[in-house]
Every structure is written in C-alpha cells, then in structure tokens.
Amino acid sequence: MERVRIGVLGTGNIAPLNVAGYLEHPQAEVIAVCDNRPDKARAAADEWGAPKVYTDLADLLADDDVDAVEICTPTMLHKEHVLATIAAGKHVSCQKPIANTVADGREMIAAAEAAGVVLRVAECNVFYPPLVKAKEIIASGAIGAPTMCRIKTVVGTTDTEFQNGLDPSGYVWRFNDQSPGGHLFDDMVHKYTTALWLFDQDITSVQAIVRQAPAFFEAPTAAIWEYERESLLGMMEVTYAPRMHMRSSFYGADEFFEIQGTDGFVWVTRATGEMLDLAPVIVYHPDGTQTHYGNIDSNWLTGFKEGSKHFVDALLAGRTTADLTGEMAVKTLQLCFAVYQASNERTPVDPRTIETSVSPPWWPPDLSNYYESMERYGRE
C-alpha cells in the first residue's frame, strides 16, 4: 500500500480532531464521508476535501476505493459499525471507548484478528508530546524506579471557540442509558489508558469512591490502584468546579500527571487546557536539579493528529497492529468499570475479572432539576 484512502463515518463534535492528522499526512487522503444527516456529511466533505458523500454505511463499505474507516459514531454503535467494517475487509480506527461492554470489545478484537485487518482505537494521550516525553524519561531511569503515579483531572468552565461550536445534540446519548456511565466513562478513559500505558504494567486491584455531580459528571472521585509490581501504586482524583474559569483552547478542563520515582519525579503540567504558567514537562533529578521542557509541543490537538498519522504509517508499513490496540482499549474499559464497581461495593476489585459493564447506582441521571442541582453543587 502506497497511499491510505480514508472514509470517515460520523461527523460529530470529535470527528474534526481525529481527521486533522489524515489531512496533514502526505500519504493519506480522506476520500469519503458518511453521516445519516446529508447536510452534515456534505459540509464535512467540503471542509476536508473529500470527493464522495454517503448517508448509509453499507454504501461507504461497498466503495472499493476506501482502504480504512475512521469511526466517529456514538459508543453504543461502535460494535455494530466496527464489525460491519471488518466484514467488508477494511481497516478500522474506532473512537474511544472501544464499546459499552468488555465482551463487545473482545468480539471486535477477535473479528479483526480473524479477518486480518488492523483495529486501532483512537487515544490522543498516548501521542500527546508531553506524555510521550514523560514515558521516555521514566523508561530511561532518570527518576529511578517509579513508585507512584498521580493523575488529577479538573473540569470547570470556559469560553472557547471550540466549546462554543460544539453541537449539543452530540451529547444526548451521553446522558442516558445508551451509555453505561457518565464523565468517568466518556472522558476518564483517556486517563485510565495513560495509567496503563506509562508503565506497561497491568493493574490488579482498584479501590474508589465515586460521588454524583450534576448532569453526567461523577465528582468528586478518588481512586487508588495496585500494579503488578508491588512497589508501584497509582491514584486518580476527579473534581468538578463549575464556577471556576479554565484557560483552554478546547474544553473547560485540564489534567496533571505526576510520576514519583525512587530518585526523582516527572510532572506533566497540562493536557486538555493551559491552566498553569509552567513548562509542560518538569523533571526533578536525583541531585536536586531540574529540567523544564518549555519548548515541547503541548497543543492537545497534536495528540489526535499524531495518533491518526501513526495509524496511516502502520498501514503503509504493513503492520498488523497500531497503537492503541484493541487489547489495551479493553483493559482501559475494565479499569473504568472497576472504579465504578469498587465504589458501588466499597471493596477492592480486580479489573481483569470484569467481562460485562458496571454503572454507578444513580445512572442514568435525573436531569429534571439540572439548573437547581448546578446551583446547589458543593454547597450542601
């Protein structure tokens, strides 16, 4: 294969982020766009320079010019759309989370393996330059043996062109029983994946407390987990600050990643947002000196672009897998559900034992008093 011709299924809020990398790759071309809303499909095709427009997936999959499909549809449709794409003999890049259940994810992986096509799950964090640098630093031994990983996510408010341009209809399914959970399922999968990817270690036990917040938010949340290596632990906190402005070019949120080692630590000071006036990556060395990586690309969009480019490169090279693999995406899903289950049962949970799905007890949320609950949040 000398060139990868991409068909895009779904033109919702996240699609432009995933397509951006294809548009920049010299050996990739977006040749078709498919959406059951003809006006949306045509508008996206015009923006991305795609010559073909479809409103039915079957027609897209019947197009012999399409080598691979970027699936940007709601999560509850991933299994159906991925299996259909695989059956058509086309490679697949699927939005995260991989599916609504672990069993569905495993079925998708098995189908791809049997058909000999690549199944990649889109994950911007494993290509986000500050996190890539942090992984390199950890692997180099610069901070000694890692002993603790701390991940913090805060969601606040912002006023960006990106957020103001989002289509509200793209969020309806995230707030009802078409999804097994809320923010911890839809967004925190990025952070769960990072916790697994940074160390190439399985997580063996999870404890957590998950509280309900307005809409689909699940905060405050605190979780702690054990890795295969007993001297390495992880912790995660998720907070919701609806009256706090977040400096960002995208969503009103930001993340921080701190990895403590026996000899020093590395700190990634941003991701989605630009909350702090610090270098994106800071390393504290064994002798007390510091290295500040101030010139590293910390644009959140770069992680999406590099992920799509990596998928193209994998296909061009004839590789059988591309990061993020289906197997890692399933482990991510298991960790997500383990946090819910550990909170529900108030007992440690081994994520590797989960094969279905787990939801918080209040899911789906009651949105009838949304504005009142927003006003009361944190004051009671």
Protein backbone atom coordinates (compact mmCIF):
# COMPACT_ATOMS: atom_id res chain seq x y z
CA MET A 1 0.00 0.00 0.00
CA GLU A 2 1.49 3.33 -1.09
CA ARG A 3 -1.39 5.54 -0.04
CA VAL A 4 -4.17 5.18 2.53
CA ARG A 5 -7.63 6.28 1.48
CA ILE A 6 -9.83 7.06 4.47
CA GLY A 7 -13.59 7.01 4.80
CA VAL A 8 -14.97 8.86 7.80
CA LEU A 9 -18.14 7.58 9.48
CA GLY A 10 -19.77 10.22 11.65
CA THR A 11 -19.18 13.96 11.57
CA GLY A 12 -19.92 14.83 15.20
CA ASN A 13 -18.02 17.03 17.62
CA ILE A 14 -14.89 14.89 17.90
CA ALA A 15 -14.52 13.98 14.21
CA PRO A 16 -12.53 17.08 13.16
CA LEU A 17 -9.89 16.33 15.82
CA ASN A 18 -9.32 12.81 14.50
CA VAL A 19 -9.44 13.80 10.84
CA ALA A 20 -6.84 16.58 11.25
CA GLY A 21 -3.93 14.13 11.20
CA TYR A 22 -5.10 12.49 7.99
CA LEU A 23 -5.32 15.86 6.27
CA GLU A 24 -1.67 16.56 7.17
CA HIS A 25 -0.25 13.16 6.19
CA PRO A 26 1.31 13.23 2.69
CA GLN A 27 0.29 9.63 2.01
CA ALA A 28 -3.27 9.79 3.32
CA GLU A 29 -6.43 11.10 1.76
CA VAL A 30 -9.95 11.48 3.14
CA ILE A 31 -11.92 10.36 0.11
CA ALA A 32 -15.38 9.76 1.59
CA VAL A 33 -17.60 10.99 4.39
CA CYS A 34 -20.66 9.16 5.69
CA ASP A 35 -23.33 10.53 8.00
CA ASN A 36 -27.08 9.89 8.08
CA ARG A 37 -27.56 13.67 8.09
CA PRO A 38 -26.91 14.67 4.45
CA ASP A 39 -26.22 18.32 5.25
CA LYS A 40 -23.62 17.41 7.89
CA ALA A 41 -21.98 14.88 5.59
CA ARG A 42 -21.73 17.34 2.71
CA ALA A 43 -20.40 20.16 4.90
CA ALA A 44 -17.68 17.92 6.36
CA ALA A 45 -16.74 16.56 2.94
CA ASP A 46 -16.37 20.08 1.61
CA GLU A 47 -14.21 21.08 4.58
CA TRP A 48 -11.96 18.02 4.33
CA GLY A 49 -11.79 17.91 0.53
CA ALA A 50 -13.49 14.51 0.28
CA PRO A 51 -14.98 13.85 -3.16
CA LYS A 52 -17.57 11.29 -2.03
CA VAL A 53 -20.55 11.63 0.33
CA TYR A 54 -22.68 8.81 1.70
CA THR A 55 -25.62 8.65 4.09
CA ASP A 56 -25.59 4.86 4.55
CA LEU A 57 -22.70 2.84 5.99
CA ALA A 58 -23.35 -0.02 3.57
CA ASP A 59 -22.65 2.29 0.65
CA LEU A 60 -19.42 3.53 2.23
CA LEU A 61 -18.26 -0.03 2.86
CA ALA A 62 -19.11 -1.05 -0.72
CA ASP A 63 -16.71 1.58 -2.04
CA ASP A 64 -13.57 -0.27 -3.18
CA ASP A 65 -11.58 2.96 -3.08
CA VAL A 66 -11.85 3.10 0.74
CA ASP A 67 -8.95 1.34 2.48
CA ALA A 68 -9.79 2.22 6.09
CA VAL A 69 -12.65 3.72 8.03
CA GLU A 70 -12.42 6.25 10.86
CA ILE A 71 -15.44 5.55 13.07
CA CYS A 72 -16.59 8.63 14.99
CA THR A 73 -20.07 7.48 15.94
CA PRO A 74 -21.55 7.22 19.48
CA THR A 75 -20.07 4.46 21.63
CA MET A 76 -23.20 2.30 21.68
CA LEU A 77 -22.86 1.95 17.88
CA HIS A 78 -19.17 1.04 17.84
CA LYS A 79 -19.65 -2.72 17.89
CA GLU A 80 -22.15 -2.72 15.02
CA HIS A 81 -20.11 -0.32 12.90
CA VAL A 82 -16.73 -1.91 13.59
CA LEU A 83 -17.94 -5.44 12.85
CA ALA A 84 -19.55 -4.28 9.60
CA THR A 85 -16.33 -2.52 8.56
CA ILE A 86 -14.24 -5.58 9.38
CA ALA A 87 -16.63 -7.81 7.42
CA ALA A 88 -16.07 -5.53 4.43
CA GLY A 89 -12.32 -6.20 4.73
CA LYS A 90 -11.37 -2.66 5.67
CA HIS A 91 -9.04 -1.47 8.41
CA VAL A 92 -10.63 0.35 11.32
CA SER A 93 -9.83 3.27 13.59
CA CYS A 94 -12.54 3.50 16.25
CA GLN A 95 -13.26 6.29 18.70
CA LYS A 96 -12.77 5.58 22.38
CA PRO A 97 -14.20 3.92 24.44
CA ILE A 98 -14.00 0.79 22.32
CA ALA A 99 -17.51 -0.36 23.30
CA ASN A 100 -20.15 -0.30 26.02
CA THR A 101 -19.10 -3.69 27.38
CA VAL A 102 -15.89 -5.67 27.72
CA ALA A 103 -17.47 -8.63 25.91
CA ASP A 104 -18.33 -6.45 22.91
CA GLY A 105 -14.78 -5.16 22.80
CA ARG A 106 -13.39 -8.68 22.82
CA GLU A 107 -15.74 -9.68 19.99
CA MET A 108 -14.49 -6.76 17.90
CA ILE A 109 -10.85 -7.72 18.52
CA ALA A 110 -11.47 -11.35 17.59
CA ALA A 111 -13.23 -10.35 14.37
CA ALA A 112 -10.34 -8.10 13.32
CA GLU A 113 -7.79 -10.82 14.01
CA ALA A 114 -9.80 -13.38 12.05
CA ALA A 115 -10.16 -11.02 9.09
CA GLY A 116 -6.52 -9.92 9.15
CA VAL A 117 -7.32 -6.21 9.38
CA VAL A 118 -5.99 -3.59 11.78
CA LEU A 119 -8.25 -2.42 14.59
CA ARG A 120 -6.96 0.73 16.25
CA VAL A 121 -8.78 2.64 18.99
CA ALA A 122 -8.23 6.40 18.89
CA GLU A 123 -6.42 7.68 22.01
CA CYS A 124 -4.83 11.10 21.95
CA ASN A 125 -2.96 10.75 25.26
CA VAL A 126 -0.53 8.08 24.04
CA PHE A 127 0.59 10.51 21.32
CA TYR A 128 0.43 13.76 23.31
CA PRO A 129 4.07 15.02 23.23
CA PRO A 130 4.41 15.90 26.95
CA LEU A 131 3.15 12.44 27.96
CA VAL A 132 5.33 10.76 25.32
CA LYS A 133 8.29 12.63 26.80
CA ALA A 134 7.31 11.58 30.32
CA LYS A 135 7.20 7.93 29.26
CA GLU A 136 10.65 8.27 27.68
CA ILE A 137 12.02 9.83 30.88
CA ILE A 138 10.56 7.05 33.02
CA ALA A 139 11.97 4.35 30.73
CA SER A 140 15.41 6.00 30.75
CA GLY A 141 15.71 5.53 34.51
CA ALA A 142 16.14 9.27 35.08
CA ILE A 143 13.84 9.20 38.12
CA GLY A 144 14.80 5.73 39.28
CA ALA A 145 12.14 3.09 39.72
CA PRO A 146 8.65 4.64 39.57
CA THR A 147 6.71 4.14 42.80
CA MET A 148 3.62 6.36 42.46
CA CYS A 149 1.51 7.73 39.62
CA ARG A 150 -0.89 10.55 40.45
CA ILE A 151 -3.43 11.76 37.90
CA LYS A 152 -5.61 14.80 38.54
CA THR A 153 -8.49 15.98 36.34
CA VAL A 154 -10.46 19.15 37.00
CA VAL A 155 -13.48 20.24 34.97
CA GLY A 156 -14.54 23.86 35.16
CA THR A 157 -15.98 26.40 32.77
CA THR A 158 -14.51 28.15 29.75
CA ASP A 159 -15.47 30.28 26.77
CA THR A 160 -13.61 28.98 23.73
CA GLU A 161 -14.46 28.94 20.05
CA PHE A 162 -14.11 25.15 20.13
CA GLN A 163 -16.51 24.59 23.02
CA ASN A 164 -19.00 27.20 21.84
CA GLY A 165 -19.09 25.49 18.46
CA LEU A 166 -20.00 22.04 19.79
CA ASP A 167 -23.30 20.55 18.69
CA PRO A 168 -25.43 19.90 21.82
CA SER A 169 -27.21 17.01 20.10
CA GLY A 170 -23.93 15.13 20.16
CA TYR A 171 -24.22 14.82 23.93
CA VAL A 172 -27.76 13.50 24.35
CA TRP A 173 -26.73 9.84 24.29
CA ARG A 174 -24.02 10.51 26.87
CA PHE A 175 -26.67 11.49 29.42
CA ASN A 176 -28.97 8.45 29.19
CA ASP A 177 -28.98 4.67 29.34
CA GLN A 178 -27.37 4.41 25.91
CA SER A 179 -24.12 4.86 27.86
CA PRO A 180 -23.15 2.75 30.91
CA GLY A 181 -21.76 5.79 32.73
CA GLY A 182 -21.01 9.47 32.56
CA HIS A 183 -17.83 11.52 32.62
CA LEU A 184 -15.73 8.70 34.12
CA PHE A 185 -16.71 6.53 31.14
CA ASP A 186 -16.68 9.10 28.38
CA ASP A 187 -13.62 11.20 29.28
CA MET A 188 -11.64 9.47 32.01
CA VAL A 189 -10.82 6.58 29.68
CA HIS A 190 -8.03 8.88 28.43
CA LYS A 191 -6.56 8.91 31.92
CA TYR A 192 -7.14 5.20 32.57
CA THR A 193 -5.27 4.40 29.36
CA THR A 194 -2.42 6.68 30.41
CA ALA A 195 -2.14 4.90 33.76
CA LEU A 196 -1.70 1.58 31.94
CA TRP A 197 0.46 2.82 29.06
CA LEU A 198 3.03 4.79 31.06
CA PHE A 199 4.39 1.69 32.79
CA ASP A 200 3.32 -1.26 30.59
CA GLN A 201 2.01 -2.84 33.77
CA ASP A 202 -1.39 -4.42 34.39
CA ILE A 203 -3.48 -3.05 37.23
CA THR A 204 -4.50 -5.80 39.64
CA SER A 205 -6.71 -4.11 42.25
CA VAL A 206 -8.80 -0.93 42.45
CA GLN A 207 -10.45 0.92 45.34
CA ALA A 208 -12.58 4.00 44.74
CA ILE A 209 -15.20 6.46 45.91
CA VAL A 210 -17.38 7.99 43.20
CA ARG A 211 -19.85 10.76 44.03
CA GLN A 212 -22.67 12.06 41.88
CA ALA A 213 -22.47 15.57 40.46
CA PRO A 214 -24.87 17.46 38.16
CA ALA A 215 -25.60 16.19 34.63
CA PHE A 216 -23.23 13.37 33.67
CA PHE A 217 -20.40 14.38 35.98
CA GLU A 218 -19.18 11.94 38.65
CA ALA A 219 -17.23 14.01 41.11
CA PRO A 220 -15.51 14.21 43.39
CA THR A 221 -13.96 10.84 42.61
CA ALA A 222 -10.90 9.36 44.30
CA ALA A 223 -9.37 6.06 43.24
CA ILE A 224 -6.24 4.14 44.13
CA TRP A 225 -4.89 1.08 42.37
CA GLU A 226 -2.15 -1.52 42.57
CA TYR A 227 0.06 -2.54 39.68
CA GLU A 228 1.64 -5.94 39.08
CA ARG A 229 4.85 -4.65 40.65
CA GLU A 230 4.01 -4.24 44.33
CA SER A 231 6.22 -1.18 44.80
CA LEU A 232 4.19 0.80 42.23
CA LEU A 233 0.82 2.36 43.05
CA GLY A 234 -1.48 4.76 41.23
CA MET A 235 -4.06 7.27 42.31
CA MET A 236 -6.59 9.39 40.49
CA GLU A 237 -8.76 12.31 41.50
CA VAL A 238 -11.54 13.91 39.50
CA THR A 239 -13.10 17.20 40.55
CA TYR A 240 -15.83 19.43 39.17
CA ALA A 241 -15.55 23.18 39.64
CA PRO A 242 -18.48 24.71 37.69
CA ARG A 243 -17.76 28.24 38.92
CA MET A 244 -14.03 28.19 38.12
CA HIS A 245 -12.81 29.54 34.77
CA MET A 246 -10.36 27.29 32.93
CA ARG A 247 -7.83 28.70 30.49
CA SER A 248 -8.08 26.46 27.46
CA SER A 249 -8.32 26.34 23.69
CA PHE A 250 -10.68 23.37 23.84
CA TYR A 251 -12.84 22.06 26.68
CA GLY A 252 -13.04 23.66 30.11
CA ALA A 253 -10.84 21.04 31.70
CA ASP A 254 -7.23 20.21 32.42
CA GLU A 255 -5.15 17.28 33.65
CA PHE A 256 -1.91 16.83 35.56
CA PHE A 257 0.27 13.72 35.72
CA GLU A 258 2.95 13.23 38.36
CA ILE A 259 5.19 10.16 38.47
CA GLN A 260 7.34 9.83 41.56
CA GLY A 261 10.38 7.61 41.38
CA THR A 262 12.96 6.44 43.88
CA ASP A 263 15.40 9.08 42.60
CA GLY A 264 13.22 11.96 41.38
CA PHE A 265 9.93 12.77 39.70
CA VAL A 266 8.44 13.92 36.41
CA TRP A 267 5.44 16.21 36.18
CA VAL A 268 3.23 16.84 33.13
CA THR A 269 1.52 20.11 33.94
CA ARG A 270 -1.21 20.26 31.30
CA ALA A 271 -3.19 18.38 28.68
CA THR A 272 -6.66 19.49 27.56
CA GLY A 273 -6.21 23.01 28.93
CA GLU A 274 -3.49 25.54 29.68
CA MET A 275 -4.27 26.20 33.31
CA LEU A 276 -0.78 26.78 34.73
CA ASP A 277 2.10 29.02 33.63
CA LEU A 278 4.63 26.21 33.82
CA ALA A 279 6.70 24.22 31.37
CA PRO A 280 4.62 21.32 30.02
CA VAL A 281 7.11 18.79 31.44
CA ILE A 282 9.26 19.26 34.55
CA VAL A 283 11.81 16.74 35.83
CA TYR A 284 13.29 16.80 39.32
CA HIS A 285 16.61 14.95 39.20
CA PRO A 286 18.39 12.92 41.92
CA ASP A 287 20.88 15.73 42.60
CA GLY A 288 18.14 18.30 43.15
CA THR A 289 18.47 19.99 39.77
CA GLN A 290 15.51 20.45 37.49
CA THR A 291 14.88 20.28 33.77
CA HIS A 292 11.99 22.30 32.36
CA TYR A 293 10.86 21.27 28.88
CA GLY A 294 9.33 24.59 27.90
CA ASN A 295 9.54 24.21 24.12
CA ILE A 296 7.76 20.87 23.80
CA ASP A 297 4.54 20.93 21.75
CA SER A 298 1.73 20.92 24.32
CA ASN A 299 -1.20 21.57 21.99
CA TRP A 300 -3.84 19.00 22.94
CA LEU A 301 -4.80 18.63 19.27
CA THR A 302 -1.32 17.29 18.48
CA GLY A 303 -2.11 14.03 20.26
CA PHE A 304 -5.05 13.46 17.92
CA LYS A 305 -3.05 14.36 14.84
CA GLU A 306 -0.13 12.10 15.73
CA GLY A 307 -2.45 9.20 16.51
CA SER A 308 -4.10 9.38 13.09
CA LYS A 309 -0.72 9.69 11.38
CA HIS A 310 0.54 6.65 13.29
CA PHE A 311 -2.45 4.64 12.04
CA VAL A 312 -1.62 5.60 8.45
CA ASP A 313 2.06 4.75 8.95
CA ALA A 314 1.15 1.35 10.38
CA LEU A 315 -0.97 0.54 7.33
CA LEU A 316 1.70 1.78 4.92
CA ALA A 317 4.29 -0.42 6.65
CA GLY A 318 2.02 -3.45 6.58
CA ARG A 319 1.95 -3.78 10.35
CA THR A 320 -0.80 -5.89 11.90
CA THR A 321 -1.44 -3.53 14.83
CA ALA A 322 -1.44 0.18 15.55
CA ASP A 323 -1.49 1.97 18.89
CA LEU A 324 -3.90 1.99 20.66
CA THR A 325 -4.57 -1.75 20.27
CA GLY A 326 -7.92 -3.31 20.94
CA GLU A 327 -6.39 -5.27 23.81
CA MET A 328 -5.25 -2.12 25.58
CA ALA A 329 -8.63 -0.50 24.93
CA VAL A 330 -10.34 -3.42 26.65
CA LYS A 331 -8.02 -3.14 29.66
CA THR A 332 -8.92 0.54 29.80
CA LEU A 333 -12.61 -0.36 29.79
CA GLN A 334 -12.09 -2.89 32.57
CA LEU A 335 -10.31 -0.28 34.70
CA CYS A 336 -13.16 2.18 34.15
CA PHE A 337 -15.76 -0.36 35.24
CA ALA A 338 -13.60 -1.46 38.18
CA VAL A 339 -13.68 2.11 39.54
CA TYR A 340 -17.49 2.07 39.41
CA GLN A 341 -17.70 -1.40 40.96
CA ALA A 342 -15.21 -0.65 43.72
CA SER A 343 -17.21 2.43 44.68
CA ASN A 344 -20.55 0.62 44.48
CA GLU A 345 -19.36 -2.29 46.65
CA ARG A 346 -16.80 -0.46 48.82
CA THR A 347 -14.36 -3.28 48.28
CA PRO A 348 -11.22 -3.82 46.17
CA VAL A 349 -11.91 -5.01 42.62
CA ASP A 350 -9.58 -6.76 40.17
CA PRO A 351 -10.38 -5.12 36.81
CA ARG A 352 -9.24 -8.24 34.96
CA THR A 353 -12.32 -10.10 36.26
CA ILE A 354 -14.83 -7.77 34.58
CA GLU A 355 -16.31 -9.06 31.32
CA THR A 356 -19.54 -7.05 31.00
CA SER A 357 -20.16 -3.49 32.21
CA VAL A 358 -20.72 -1.70 35.52
CA SER A 359 -22.62 1.53 36.15
CA PRO A 360 -22.95 3.84 39.16
CA PRO A 361 -26.20 3.28 41.13
CA TRP A 362 -27.76 6.59 40.04
CA TRP A 363 -27.18 6.05 36.34
CA PRO A 364 -28.75 7.37 34.15
CA PRO A 365 -29.02 10.73 35.90
CA ASP A 366 -32.22 12.63 36.57
CA LEU A 367 -31.89 15.86 34.57
CA SER A 368 -35.28 17.31 35.55
CA ASN A 369 -33.73 19.63 38.15
CA TYR A 370 -30.46 20.24 36.33
CA TYR A 371 -30.18 24.00 36.94
CA GLU A 372 -31.13 23.73 40.59
CA SER A 373 -28.59 20.98 41.15
CA MET A 374 -25.92 23.10 39.46
CA GLU A 375 -26.64 25.95 41.86
CA ARG A 376 -26.56 23.67 44.89
CA TYR A 377 -23.48 21.66 43.89
CA GLY A 378 -20.75 21.83 46.51
CA ARG A 379 -22.81 23.98 48.86
CA GLU A 380 -24.64 21.17 50.65
